[in-house]
Amino acid sequence: MKIDRLVLDSDVLIRAALSSGGAPALVLDHLERTRAILVFSEPTMTELVTRLMRTKFDHYVDRDSRLRFLAEIDAVAEFVGVSGAAMGCRDRSDDPFLETALSGECELIVSRDRDLLALNPWQGIHILSPAQALEAIFSSVPGQGRL
């Protein structure tokens, strides 16, 4: 699966920021290498910043490292406008991720959220877990094999 534009939900990005191992970090590394466009809206970036900067993460990664991570994400992110419309997710707090992906003409949302994963596919957009996204990405890349 060739991915040009996608949304990573806050939990996936937080896990990538806190640990360089695991599927979330591998997905982010692949996106960097392939120059895929990471799409955000104001609500999705605000959620990421608010959650990642919680003091409970101080034990895992220092505040300055998390601020650098956010700056790096912000530098490569493309922002789209959203209206806050209801998108039909059973958890309304997940609607901004759906609307961002739709407005940003994304092919994929990567999430660990069951409410989002239950919608796959939604409006022609795949919604996959980090492990599923890696499988889809690398199963279609000649010579890459599986991770």
Protein backbone atom coordinates (compact mmCIF):
# COMPACT_ATOMS: atom_id res chain seq x y z
CA MET A 1 0.00 0.00 0.00
CA LYS A 2 1.52 3.31 -1.09
CA ILE A 3 0.62 6.05 1.33
CA ASP A 4 0.91 9.68 0.30
CA ARG A 5 -1.32 11.39 2.87
CA LEU A 6 -2.44 10.17 6.27
CA VAL A 7 -3.55 10.98 9.78
CA LEU A 8 -1.90 9.44 12.84
CA ASP A 9 -4.02 9.72 15.94
CA SER A 10 -2.62 11.21 19.14
CA ASP A 11 -2.07 7.88 20.88
CA VAL A 12 0.04 6.56 18.00
CA LEU A 13 2.18 9.70 17.92
CA ILE A 14 2.59 9.71 21.70
CA ARG A 15 3.75 6.10 21.64
CA ALA A 16 6.22 6.96 18.86
CA ALA A 17 7.53 9.90 20.91
CA LEU A 18 7.97 7.83 24.05
CA SER A 19 9.60 4.78 22.49
CA SER A 20 11.71 4.38 19.37
CA GLY A 21 10.76 0.70 19.20
CA GLY A 22 7.38 -0.71 18.34
CA ALA A 23 4.94 -0.32 15.51
CA PRO A 24 4.02 3.38 16.06
CA ALA A 25 7.66 4.49 15.78
CA LEU A 26 8.24 2.21 12.79
CA VAL A 27 5.21 3.69 11.02
CA LEU A 28 6.50 7.22 11.67
CA ASP A 29 10.01 6.27 10.48
CA HIS A 30 8.59 4.82 7.26
CA LEU A 31 6.57 7.97 6.64
CA GLU A 32 9.69 10.10 7.05
CA ARG A 33 11.65 7.96 4.58
CA THR A 34 8.89 8.00 1.97
CA ARG A 35 8.04 11.67 2.55
CA ALA A 36 4.37 10.89 3.11
CA ILE A 37 2.37 13.89 4.24
CA LEU A 38 1.16 13.84 7.82
CA VAL A 39 -2.10 15.77 7.95
CA PHE A 40 -3.40 17.65 11.00
CA SER A 41 -6.13 20.09 11.85
CA GLU A 42 -6.11 22.53 14.73
CA PRO A 43 -8.14 20.16 16.96
CA THR A 44 -5.93 17.12 16.25
CA MET A 45 -2.70 19.04 16.89
CA THR A 46 -4.12 20.60 20.06
CA GLU A 47 -5.05 17.15 21.36
CA LEU A 48 -1.55 15.84 20.62
CA VAL A 49 0.22 18.76 22.32
CA THR A 50 -2.08 18.72 25.34
CA ARG A 51 -1.71 14.99 25.91
CA LEU A 52 2.00 14.63 25.13
CA MET A 53 2.98 17.44 27.47
CA ARG A 54 1.25 15.89 30.51
CA THR A 55 3.59 15.54 33.47
CA LYS A 56 2.90 11.80 33.68
CA PHE A 57 5.23 11.36 30.68
CA ASP A 58 8.16 13.14 32.41
CA HIS A 59 9.28 9.78 33.77
CA TYR A 60 9.64 8.35 30.23
CA VAL A 61 10.93 11.23 28.12
CA ASP A 62 12.01 14.66 29.31
CA ARG A 63 9.94 17.71 28.46
CA ASP A 64 12.56 19.20 26.09
CA SER A 65 12.66 15.99 24.02
CA ARG A 66 8.88 16.01 23.74
CA LEU A 67 8.92 19.66 22.69
CA ARG A 68 11.51 18.83 20.00
CA PHE A 69 9.34 15.94 18.81
CA LEU A 70 6.35 18.28 18.52
CA ALA A 71 8.43 20.86 16.65
CA GLU A 72 9.63 18.21 14.20
CA ILE A 73 6.07 17.00 13.63
CA ASP A 74 4.81 20.57 13.19
CA ALA A 75 7.58 21.32 10.67
CA VAL A 76 6.49 18.54 8.32
CA ALA A 77 2.75 18.59 8.97
CA GLU A 78 0.18 19.87 6.55
CA PHE A 79 -2.76 21.58 8.22
CA VAL A 80 -6.32 21.47 6.92
CA GLY A 81 -9.40 23.27 8.11
CA VAL A 82 -12.26 21.43 9.77
CA SER A 83 -15.69 22.61 10.83
CA GLY A 84 -16.27 20.33 13.80
CA ALA A 85 -19.07 18.51 12.03
CA ALA A 86 -20.33 15.18 13.29
CA MET A 87 -18.69 12.42 11.26
CA GLY A 88 -20.61 9.48 12.69
CA CYS A 89 -18.07 7.95 15.06
CA ARG A 90 -19.69 6.42 18.14
CA ASP A 91 -17.15 8.42 20.21
CA ARG A 92 -17.70 12.01 19.12
CA SER A 93 -14.20 12.99 20.37
CA ASP A 94 -12.77 10.95 17.48
CA ASP A 95 -14.70 12.88 14.81
CA PRO A 96 -11.91 15.49 14.34
CA PHE A 97 -9.56 12.72 13.13
CA LEU A 98 -12.15 11.54 10.61
CA GLU A 99 -12.90 15.07 9.40
CA THR A 100 -9.18 15.86 9.17
CA ALA A 101 -8.56 12.79 7.04
CA LEU A 102 -11.53 13.58 4.82
CA SER A 103 -10.60 17.27 4.41
CA GLY A 104 -6.97 16.34 3.85
CA GLU A 105 -7.82 13.77 1.16
CA CYS A 106 -5.96 11.08 3.11
CA GLU A 107 -5.78 7.41 2.23
CA LEU A 108 -5.21 6.21 5.77
CA ILE A 109 -5.81 6.87 9.44
CA VAL A 110 -3.52 4.97 11.82
CA SER A 111 -5.09 4.49 15.22
CA ARG A 112 -5.30 2.12 18.16
CA ASP A 113 -8.77 3.45 19.03
CA ARG A 114 -11.46 0.77 18.76
CA ASP A 115 -14.14 3.30 17.88
CA LEU A 116 -12.15 4.41 14.84
CA LEU A 117 -10.95 0.92 13.88
CA ALA A 118 -14.56 -0.30 13.87
CA LEU A 119 -15.30 2.08 10.97
CA ASN A 120 -12.68 0.63 8.59
CA PRO A 121 -13.03 1.53 5.79
CA TRP A 122 -14.73 4.87 6.17
CA GLN A 123 -15.53 7.17 3.22
CA GLY A 124 -12.87 5.30 1.20
CA ILE A 125 -10.23 5.89 3.91
CA HIS A 126 -8.54 2.88 5.48
CA ILE A 127 -8.39 2.90 9.28
CA LEU A 128 -5.68 0.55 10.52
CA SER A 129 -3.78 -0.16 13.70
CA PRO A 130 -0.03 0.55 13.60
CA ALA A 131 0.72 -3.16 13.14
CA GLN A 132 -1.87 -3.46 10.35
CA ALA A 133 -0.48 -0.34 8.67
CA LEU A 134 3.05 -1.79 8.70
CA GLU A 135 1.76 -5.05 7.25
CA ALA A 136 -0.08 -3.19 4.48
CA ILE A 137 2.86 -0.93 3.72
CA PHE A 138 5.55 -3.56 3.66
CA SER A 139 3.56 -6.31 1.98
CA SER A 140 3.37 -4.09 -1.10
CA VAL A 141 7.00 -2.93 -1.16
CA PRO A 142 9.16 -5.21 -3.32
CA GLY A 143 12.19 -6.54 -1.49
CA GLN A 144 11.06 -5.23 1.91
CA GLY A 145 9.50 -8.40 3.26
CA ARG A 146 7.74 -8.39 6.55
CA LEU A 147 8.89 -6.78 9.77
